PDB file of N, CA and C in Angstrom:
ATOM      1  N   MET A   1       0.841  -1.174   0.000  1.00  0.00           N
ATOM      2  CA  MET A   1       0.000   0.000   0.000  1.00  0.00           C
ATOM      3  C   MET A   1       0.889   1.241   0.000  1.00  0.00           C
ATOM      4  N   ARG A   2       0.553   2.190  -0.804  1.00  0.00           N
ATOM      5  CA  ARG A   2       1.278   3.455  -0.873  1.00  0.00           C
ATOM      6  C   ARG A   2       0.501   4.528  -0.130  1.00  0.00           C
ATOM      7  N   THR A   3       1.240   5.445   0.458  1.00  0.00           N
ATOM      8  CA  THR A   3       0.608   6.584   1.121  1.00  0.00           C
ATOM      9  C   THR A   3       1.502   7.801   0.948  1.00  0.00           C
ATOM     10  N   ARG A   4       0.907   8.940   0.955  1.00  0.00           N
ATOM     11  CA  ARG A   4       1.650  10.196   0.852  1.00  0.00           C
ATOM     12  C   ARG A   4       1.800  10.801   2.239  1.00  0.00           C
ATOM     13  N   ILE A   5       2.804  11.630   2.373  1.00  0.00           N
ATOM     14  CA  ILE A   5       3.052  12.264   3.665  1.00  0.00           C
ATOM     15  C   ILE A   5       1.830  13.063   4.105  1.00  0.00           C
ATOM     16  N   ALA A   6       1.192  13.762   3.187  1.00  0.00           N
ATOM     17  CA  ALA A   6       0.020  14.568   3.535  1.00  0.00           C
ATOM     18  C   ALA A   6      -1.118  13.700   4.075  1.00  0.00           C
ATOM     19  N   GLU A   7      -1.198  12.451   3.647  1.00  0.00           N
ATOM     20  CA  GLU A   7      -2.263  11.554   4.103  1.00  0.00           C
ATOM     21  C   GLU A   7      -2.028  11.061   5.534  1.00  0.00           C
ATOM     22  N   LEU A   8      -0.799  11.151   6.028  1.00  0.00           N
ATOM     23  CA  LEU A   8      -0.517  10.707   7.390  1.00  0.00           C
ATOM     24  C   LEU A   8      -1.262  11.542   8.421  1.00  0.00           C
ATOM     25  N   ARG A   9      -1.562  12.788   8.104  1.00  0.00           N
ATOM     26  CA  ARG A   9      -2.258  13.667   9.045  1.00  0.00           C
ATOM     27  C   ARG A   9      -3.666  13.170   9.362  1.00  0.00           C
ATOM     28  N   TRP A  10      -4.215  12.332   8.517  1.00  0.00           N
ATOM     29  CA  TRP A  10      -5.580  11.828   8.713  1.00  0.00           C
ATOM     30  C   TRP A  10      -5.597  10.443   9.346  1.00  0.00           C
ATOM     31  N   LYS A  11      -4.444   9.933   9.755  1.00  0.00           N
ATOM     32  CA  LYS A  11      -4.362   8.606  10.362  1.00  0.00           C
ATOM     33  C   LYS A  11      -4.113   8.739  11.866  1.00  0.00           C
ATOM     34  N   GLU A  12      -4.919   8.018  12.635  1.00  0.00           N
ATOM     35  CA  GLU A  12      -4.766   8.034  14.085  1.00  0.00           C
ATOM     36  C   GLU A  12      -3.695   7.033  14.494  1.00  0.00           C
ATOM     37  N   VAL A  13      -2.872   7.408  15.471  1.00  0.00           N
ATOM     38  CA  VAL A  13      -1.802   6.542  15.959  1.00  0.00           C
ATOM     39  C   VAL A  13      -2.309   5.796  17.194  1.00  0.00           C
ATOM     40  N   VAL A  14      -2.214   4.441  17.134  1.00  0.00           N
ATOM     41  CA  VAL A  14      -2.752   3.585  18.189  1.00  0.00           C
ATOM     42  C   VAL A  14      -1.666   2.608  18.627  1.00  0.00           C
ATOM     43  N   ASP A  15      -1.572   2.382  19.949  1.00  0.00           N
ATOM     44  CA  ASP A  15      -0.622   1.417  20.490  1.00  0.00           C
ATOM     45  C   ASP A  15      -1.163   0.008  20.257  1.00  0.00           C
ATOM     46  N   VAL A  16      -0.385  -0.833  19.618  1.00  0.00           N
ATOM     47  CA  VAL A  16      -0.806  -2.182  19.273  1.00  0.00           C
ATOM     48  C   VAL A  16      -0.950  -3.062  20.511  1.00  0.00           C
ATOM     49  N   GLN A  17      -0.252  -2.753  21.595  1.00  0.00           N
ATOM     50  CA  GLN A  17      -0.275  -3.596  22.786  1.00  0.00           C
ATOM     51  C   GLN A  17      -1.519  -3.407  23.638  1.00  0.00           C
ATOM     52  N   ASN A  18      -1.937  -2.151  23.840  1.00  0.00           N
ATOM     53  CA  ASN A  18      -3.068  -1.925  24.744  1.00  0.00           C
ATOM     54  C   ASN A  18      -4.195  -1.079  24.150  1.00  0.00           C
ATOM     55  N   GLY A  19      -4.073  -0.677  22.898  1.00  0.00           N
ATOM     56  CA  GLY A  19      -5.134   0.078  22.238  1.00  0.00           C
ATOM     57  C   GLY A  19      -5.186   1.553  22.587  1.00  0.00           C
ATOM     58  N   SER A  20      -4.172   2.074  23.298  1.00  0.00           N
ATOM     59  CA  SER A  20      -4.145   3.501  23.635  1.00  0.00           C
ATOM     60  C   SER A  20      -4.089   4.329  22.364  1.00  0.00           C
ATOM     61  N   ARG A  21      -4.852   5.406  22.363  1.00  0.00           N
ATOM     62  CA  ARG A  21      -4.866   6.324  21.225  1.00  0.00           C
ATOM     63  C   ARG A  21      -3.978   7.513  21.553  1.00  0.00           C
ATOM     64  N   PHE A  22      -3.048   7.805  20.660  1.00  0.00           N
ATOM     65  CA  PHE A  22      -2.113   8.895  20.894  1.00  0.00           C
ATOM     66  C   PHE A  22      -2.487  10.164  20.153  1.00  0.00           C
ATOM     67  N   GLY A  23      -3.334  10.076  19.170  1.00  0.00           N
ATOM     68  CA  GLY A  23      -3.712  11.243  18.386  1.00  0.00           C
ATOM     69  C   GLY A  23      -3.324  11.069  16.931  1.00  0.00           C
ATOM     70  N   TYR A  24      -3.264  12.179  16.222  1.00  0.00           N
ATOM     71  CA  TYR A  24      -2.990  12.178  14.795  1.00  0.00           C
ATOM     72  C   TYR A  24      -1.601  12.751  14.514  1.00  0.00           C
ATOM     73  N   VAL A  25      -0.999  12.287  13.454  1.00  0.00           N
ATOM     74  CA  VAL A  25       0.339  12.730  13.074  1.00  0.00           C
ATOM     75  C   VAL A  25       0.286  14.210  12.685  1.00  0.00           C
ATOM     76  N   GLU A  26       1.189  14.982  13.262  1.00  0.00           N
ATOM     77  CA  GLU A  26       1.277  16.402  12.924  1.00  0.00           C
ATOM     78  C   GLU A  26       2.461  16.669  12.000  1.00  0.00           C
ATOM     79  N   ASP A  27       3.534  15.900  12.189  1.00  0.00           N
ATOM     80  CA  ASP A  27       4.755  16.162  11.436  1.00  0.00           C
ATOM     81  C   ASP A  27       5.615  14.905  11.427  1.00  0.00           C
ATOM     82  N   LEU A  28       6.671  14.935  10.638  1.00  0.00           N
ATOM     83  CA  LEU A  28       7.659  13.865  10.598  1.00  0.00           C
ATOM     84  C   LEU A  28       9.017  14.453  10.914  1.00  0.00           C
ATOM     85  N   GLU A  29       9.843  13.694  11.613  1.00  0.00           N
ATOM     86  CA  GLU A  29      11.236  14.090  11.824  1.00  0.00           C
ATOM     87  C   GLU A  29      12.060  13.312  10.798  1.00  0.00           C
ATOM     88  N   VAL A  30      12.792  14.033   9.952  1.00  0.00           N
ATOM     89  CA  VAL A  30      13.534  13.430   8.859  1.00  0.00           C
ATOM     90  C   VAL A  30      15.014  13.787   8.970  1.00  0.00           C
ATOM     91  N   ASP A  31      15.883  12.799   8.769  1.00  0.00           N
ATOM     92  CA  ASP A  31      17.324  13.029   8.699  1.00  0.00           C
ATOM     93  C   ASP A  31      17.618  13.527   7.284  1.00  0.00           C
ATOM     94  N   LEU A  32      18.003  14.792   7.166  1.00  0.00           N
ATOM     95  CA  LEU A  32      18.190  15.393   5.842  1.00  0.00           C
ATOM     96  C   LEU A  32      19.386  14.826   5.083  1.00  0.00           C
ATOM     97  N   GLU A  33      20.366  14.334   5.800  1.00  0.00           N
ATOM     98  CA  GLU A  33      21.531  13.777   5.119  1.00  0.00           C
ATOM     99  C   GLU A  33      21.214  12.443   4.454  1.00  0.00           C
ATOM    100  N   SER A  34      20.493  11.579   5.160  1.00  0.00           N
ATOM    101  CA  SER A  34      20.199  10.253   4.611  1.00  0.00           C
ATOM    102  C   SER A  34      18.823  10.183   3.956  1.00  0.00           C
ATOM    103  N   GLY A  35      17.949  11.127   4.283  1.00  0.00           N
ATOM    104  CA  GLY A  35      16.597  11.121   3.729  1.00  0.00           C
ATOM    105  C   GLY A  35      15.671  10.139   4.431  1.00  0.00           C
ATOM    106  N   GLN A  36      16.087   9.603   5.580  1.00  0.00           N
ATOM    107  CA  GLN A  36      15.276   8.624   6.301  1.00  0.00           C
ATOM    108  C   GLN A  36      14.371   9.307   7.328  1.00  0.00           C
ATOM    109  N   VAL A  37      13.177   8.754   7.468  1.00  0.00           N
ATOM    110  CA  VAL A  37      12.259   9.235   8.498  1.00  0.00           C
ATOM    111  C   VAL A  37      12.742   8.706   9.832  1.00  0.00           C
ATOM    112  N   ARG A  38      12.875   9.581  10.811  1.00  0.00           N
ATOM    113  CA  ARG A  38      13.356   9.196  12.142  1.00  0.00           C
ATOM    114  C   ARG A  38      12.213   9.001  13.137  1.00  0.00           C
ATOM    115  N   ALA A  39      11.147   9.812  13.024  1.00  0.00           N
ATOM    116  CA  ALA A  39      10.071   9.722  14.008  1.00  0.00           C
ATOM    117  C   ALA A  39       8.785  10.355  13.479  1.00  0.00           C
ATOM    118  N   LEU A  40       7.667   9.891  14.043  1.00  0.00           N
ATOM    119  CA  LEU A  40       6.384  10.550  13.855  1.00  0.00           C
ATOM    120  C   LEU A  40       6.244  11.561  14.980  1.00  0.00           C
ATOM    121  N   VAL A  41       5.713  12.724  14.685  1.00  0.00           N
ATOM    122  CA  VAL A  41       5.527  13.759  15.703  1.00  0.00           C
ATOM    123  C   VAL A  41       4.026  13.985  15.880  1.00  0.00           C
ATOM    124  N   LEU A  42       3.574  13.835  17.121  1.00  0.00           N
ATOM    125  CA  LEU A  42       2.171  14.043  17.455  1.00  0.00           C
ATOM    126  C   LEU A  42       2.073  15.221  18.404  1.00  0.00           C
ATOM    127  N   PRO A  43       1.077  16.094  18.226  1.00  0.00           N
ATOM    128  CA  PRO A  43       0.959  17.248  19.120  1.00  0.00           C
ATOM    129  C   PRO A  43       0.600  16.825  20.529  1.00  0.00           C
ATOM    130  N   GLY A  44       1.082  17.578  21.497  1.00  0.00           N
ATOM    131  CA  GLY A  44       0.749  17.308  22.899  1.00  0.00           C
ATOM    132  C   GLY A  44      -0.712  17.587  23.173  1.00  0.00           C
ATOM    133  N   ARG A  45      -1.224  16.953  24.215  1.00  0.00           N
ATOM    134  CA  ARG A  45      -2.625  17.165  24.579  1.00  0.00           C
ATOM    135  C   ARG A  45      -2.838  18.575  25.101  1.00  0.00           C
ATOM    136  N   ARG A  46      -4.025  19.097  24.848  1.00  0.00           N
ATOM    137  CA  ARG A  46      -4.386  20.420  25.352  1.00  0.00           C
ATOM    138  C   ARG A  46      -4.628  20.351  26.854  1.00  0.00           C
ATOM    139  N   ARG A  47      -4.223  21.410  27.529  1.00  0.00           N
ATOM    140  CA  ARG A  47      -4.477  21.508  28.965  1.00  0.00           C
ATOM    141  C   ARG A  47      -5.595  22.521  29.200  1.00  0.00           C
ATOM    142  N   LEU A  48      -6.604  22.110  29.902  1.00  0.00           N
ATOM    143  CA  LEU A  48      -7.762  22.940  30.214  1.00  0.00           C
ATOM    144  C   LEU A  48      -8.324  23.598  28.948  1.00  0.00           C
ATOM    145  N   PHE A  49      -8.716  22.747  28.010  1.00  0.00           N
ATOM    146  CA  PHE A  49      -9.324  23.169  26.742  1.00  0.00           C
ATOM    147  C   PHE A  49      -8.434  24.105  25.930  1.00  0.00           C
ATOM    148  N   GLY A  50      -7.125  24.004  26.119  1.00  0.00           N
ATOM    149  CA  GLY A  50      -6.188  24.820  25.367  1.00  0.00           C
ATOM    150  C   GLY A  50      -5.867  26.156  26.011  1.00  0.00           C
ATOM    151  N   LEU A  51      -6.569  26.493  27.091  1.00  0.00           N
ATOM    152  CA  LEU A  51      -6.317  27.781  27.755  1.00  0.00           C
ATOM    153  C   LEU A  51      -4.953  27.811  28.430  1.00  0.00           C
ATOM    154  N   LEU A  52      -4.468  26.648  28.866  1.00  0.00           N
ATOM    155  CA  LEU A  52      -3.162  26.577  29.524  1.00  0.00           C
ATOM    156  C   LEU A  52      -2.097  26.007  28.589  1.00  0.00           C
ATOM    157  N   GLY A  53      -2.347  26.074  27.316  1.00  0.00           N
ATOM    158  CA  GLY A  53      -1.379  25.584  26.337  1.00  0.00           C
ATOM    159  C   GLY A  53      -1.487  24.084  26.119  1.00  0.00           C
ATOM    160  N   ARG A  54      -0.386  23.506  25.695  1.00  0.00           N
ATOM    161  CA  ARG A  54      -0.342  22.077  25.402  1.00  0.00           C
ATOM    162  C   ARG A  54       0.807  21.427  26.142  1.00  0.00           C
ATOM    163  N   GLU A  55       0.688  20.093  26.280  1.00  0.00           N
ATOM    164  CA  GLU A  55       1.813  19.316  26.777  1.00  0.00           C
ATOM    165  C   GLU A  55       2.851  19.254  25.660  1.00  0.00           C
ATOM    166  N   GLU A  56       4.024  18.700  25.963  1.00  0.00           N
ATOM    167  CA  GLU A  56       5.071  18.581  24.949  1.00  0.00           C
ATOM    168  C   GLU A  56       4.634  17.603  23.862  1.00  0.00           C
ATOM    169  N   ASP A  57       5.151  17.831  22.654  1.00  0.00           N
ATOM    170  CA  ASP A  57       4.859  16.931  21.548  1.00  0.00           C
ATOM    171  C   ASP A  57       5.399  15.539  21.847  1.00  0.00           C
ATOM    172  N   ARG A  58       4.740  14.528  21.309  1.00  0.00           N
ATOM    173  CA  ARG A  58       5.161  13.139  21.488  1.00  0.00           C
ATOM    174  C   ARG A  58       5.891  12.700  20.214  1.00  0.00           C
ATOM    175  N   TYR A  59       7.072  12.156  20.398  1.00  0.00           N
ATOM    176  CA  TYR A  59       7.867  11.631  19.285  1.00  0.00           C
ATOM    177  C   TYR A  59       7.839  10.113  19.345  1.00  0.00           C
ATOM    178  N   ILE A  60       7.414   9.485  18.262  1.00  0.00           N
ATOM    179  CA  ILE A  60       7.391   8.031  18.188  1.00  0.00           C
ATOM    180  C   ILE A  60       8.448   7.609  17.179  1.00  0.00           C
ATOM    181  N   PRO A  61       9.516   6.953  17.646  1.00  0.00           N
ATOM    182  CA  PRO A  61      10.593   6.552  16.736  1.00  0.00           C
ATOM    183  C   PRO A  61      10.070   5.664  15.606  1.00  0.00           C
ATOM    184  N   TRP A  62      10.653   5.835  14.442  1.00  0.00           N
ATOM    185  CA  TRP A  62      10.209   5.112  13.256  1.00  0.00           C
ATOM    186  C   TRP A  62      10.308   3.592  13.444  1.00  0.00           C
ATOM    187  N   ASP A  63      11.280   3.136  14.208  1.00  0.00           N
ATOM    188  CA  ASP A  63      11.417   1.689  14.407  1.00  0.00           C
ATOM    189  C   ASP A  63      10.320   1.117  15.301  1.00  0.00           C
ATOM    190  N   ARG A  64       9.492   1.973  15.897  1.00  0.00           N
ATOM    191  CA  ARG A  64       8.362   1.525  16.717  1.00  0.00           C
ATOM    192  C   ARG A  64       7.059   1.421  15.916  1.00  0.00           C
ATOM    193  N   VAL A  65       7.079   1.899  14.671  1.00  0.00           N
ATOM    194  CA  VAL A  65       5.896   1.792  13.808  1.00  0.00           C
ATOM    195  C   VAL A  65       5.802   0.350  13.319  1.00  0.00           C
ATOM    196  N   ARG A  66       4.640  -0.266  13.527  1.00  0.00           N
ATOM    197  CA  ARG A  66       4.460  -1.674  13.167  1.00  0.00           C
ATOM    198  C   ARG A  66       3.662  -1.877  11.885  1.00  0.00           C
ATOM    199  N   ARG A  67       2.624  -1.073  11.666  1.00  0.00           N
ATOM    200  CA  ARG A  67       1.795  -1.284  10.486  1.00  0.00           C
ATOM    201  C   ARG A  67       0.990  -0.023  10.175  1.00  0.00           C
ATOM    202  N   PHE A  68       0.807   0.216   8.869  1.00  0.00           N
ATOM    203  CA  PHE A  68      -0.048   1.295   8.404  1.00  0.00           C
ATOM    204  C   PHE A  68      -1.351   0.689   7.907  1.00  0.00           C
ATOM    205  N   GLY A  69      -2.471   1.239   8.359  1.00  0.00           N
ATOM    206  CA  GLY A  69      -3.770   0.800   7.890  1.00  0.00           C
ATOM    207  C   GLY A  69      -4.435   1.900   7.093  1.00  0.00           C
ATOM    208  N   GLU A  70      -5.683   1.669   6.728  1.00  0.00           N
ATOM    209  CA  GLU A  70      -6.427   2.669   5.957  1.00  0.00           C
ATOM    210  C   GLU A  70      -6.583   3.972   6.726  1.00  0.00           C
ATOM    211  N   ASP A  71      -6.876   3.852   8.033  1.00  0.00           N
ATOM    212  CA  ASP A  71      -7.109   5.057   8.820  1.00  0.00           C
ATOM    213  C   ASP A  71      -6.356   5.086  10.147  1.00  0.00           C
ATOM    214  N   ILE A  72      -5.501   4.095  10.407  1.00  0.00           N
ATOM    215  CA  ILE A  72      -4.703   4.110  11.629  1.00  0.00           C
ATOM    216  C   ILE A  72      -3.261   3.695  11.350  1.00  0.00           C
ATOM    217  N   ILE A  73      -2.404   4.056  12.279  1.00  0.00           N
ATOM    218  CA  ILE A  73      -1.008   3.625  12.275  1.00  0.00           C
ATOM    219  C   ILE A  73      -0.794   2.896  13.591  1.00  0.00           C
ATOM    220  N   LEU A  74      -0.391   1.636  13.529  1.00  0.00           N
ATOM    221  CA  LEU A  74      -0.146   0.864  14.736  1.00  0.00           C
ATOM    222  C   LEU A  74       1.310   1.004  15.140  1.00  0.00           C
ATOM    223  N   VAL A  75       1.533   1.333  16.401  1.00  0.00           N
ATOM    224  CA  VAL A  75       2.883   1.491  16.934  1.00  0.00           C
ATOM    225  C   VAL A  75       3.012   0.644  18.190  1.00  0.00           C
ATOM    226  N   GLU A  76       4.248   0.353  18.554  1.00  0.00           N
ATOM    227  CA  GLU A  76       4.520  -0.391  19.773  1.00  0.00           C
ATOM    228  C   GLU A  76       5.413   0.472  20.650  1.00  0.00           C
ATOM    229  N   GLN A  77       4.829   1.041  21.690  1.00  0.00           N
ATOM    230  CA  GLN A  77       5.573   1.902  22.595  1.00  0.00           C
ATOM    231  C   GLN A  77       6.207   1.083  23.702  1.00  0.00           C
ATOM    232  N   GLU A  78       7.329   1.548  24.209  1.00  0.00           N
ATOM    233  CA  GLU A  78       7.945   0.915  25.368  1.00  0.00           C
ATOM    234  C   GLU A  78       7.073   1.184  26.586  1.00  0.00           C
ATOM    235  N   PRO A  79       6.928   0.194  27.465  1.00  0.00           N
ATOM    236  CA  PRO A  79       6.110   0.435  28.661  1.00  0.00           C
ATOM    237  C   PRO A  79       6.730   1.511  29.540  1.00  0.00           C
ATOM    238  N   ARG A  80       5.885   2.348  30.088  1.00  0.00           N
ATOM    239  CA  ARG A  80       6.341   3.413  30.983  1.00  0.00           C
ATOM    240  C   ARG A  80       6.228   2.931  32.420  1.00  0.00           C
ATOM    241  N   PRO A  81       7.094   3.444  33.310  1.00  0.00           N
ATOM    242  CA  PRO A  81       6.953   3.065  34.714  1.00  0.00           C
ATOM    243  C   PRO A  81       5.624   3.566  35.274  1.00  0.00           C
ATOM    244  N   ALA A  82       5.030   2.788  36.141  1.00  0.00           N
ATOM    245  CA  ALA A  82       3.751   3.166  36.750  1.00  0.00           C
ATOM    246  C   ALA A  82       3.940   4.371  37.655  1.00  0.00           C
ATOM    247  N   ARG A  83       2.951   5.252  37.657  1.00  0.00           N
ATOM    248  CA  ARG A  83       2.988   6.417  38.539  1.00  0.00           C
ATOM    249  C   ARG A  83       2.578   6.003  39.942  1.00  0.00           C
ATOM    250  N   ARG A  84       3.220   6.611  40.901  1.00  0.00           N
ATOM    251  CA  ARG A  84       2.861   6.337  42.289  1.00  0.00           C
ATOM    252  C   ARG A  84       1.620   7.142  42.639  1.00  0.00           C
ATOM    253  N   ARG A  85       0.709   6.508  43.318  1.00  0.00           N
ATOM    254  CA  ARG A  85      -0.497   7.197  43.759  1.00  0.00           C
ATOM    255  C   ARG A  85      -0.242   7.872  45.093  1.00  0.00           C
ATOM    256  N   ARG A  86      -0.803   9.036  45.249  1.00  0.00           N
ATOM    257  CA  ARG A  86      -0.705   9.736  46.523  1.00  0.00           C
ATOM    258  C   ARG A  86      -1.730   9.162  47.484  1.00  0.00           C
ATOM    259  N   THR A  87      -1.344   9.033  48.700  1.00  0.00           N
ATOM    260  CA  THR A  87      -2.294   8.514  49.706  1.00  0.00           C
ATOM    261  C   THR A  87      -2.644   9.536  50.730  1.00  0.00           C
TER     262      THR A  87
END
């Protein structure tokens, strides 16, 4: 299947392991010397409906992309350490 860079903006990025939705591709990080794609760039989530800005952008390394579908991109993220709950 072929896809254009502009079409990536309409594909949702989903974690293949647990089904977490990360959002839509905003940009690509490309190594200009080799011409290889290094990462997918997804915009950070809005804080308080965008009034407090956004979180940092999420970078998903290209080697973590597993499959491109018609409307989604499946990725495999490394597990993050669990957050400690306050008591």
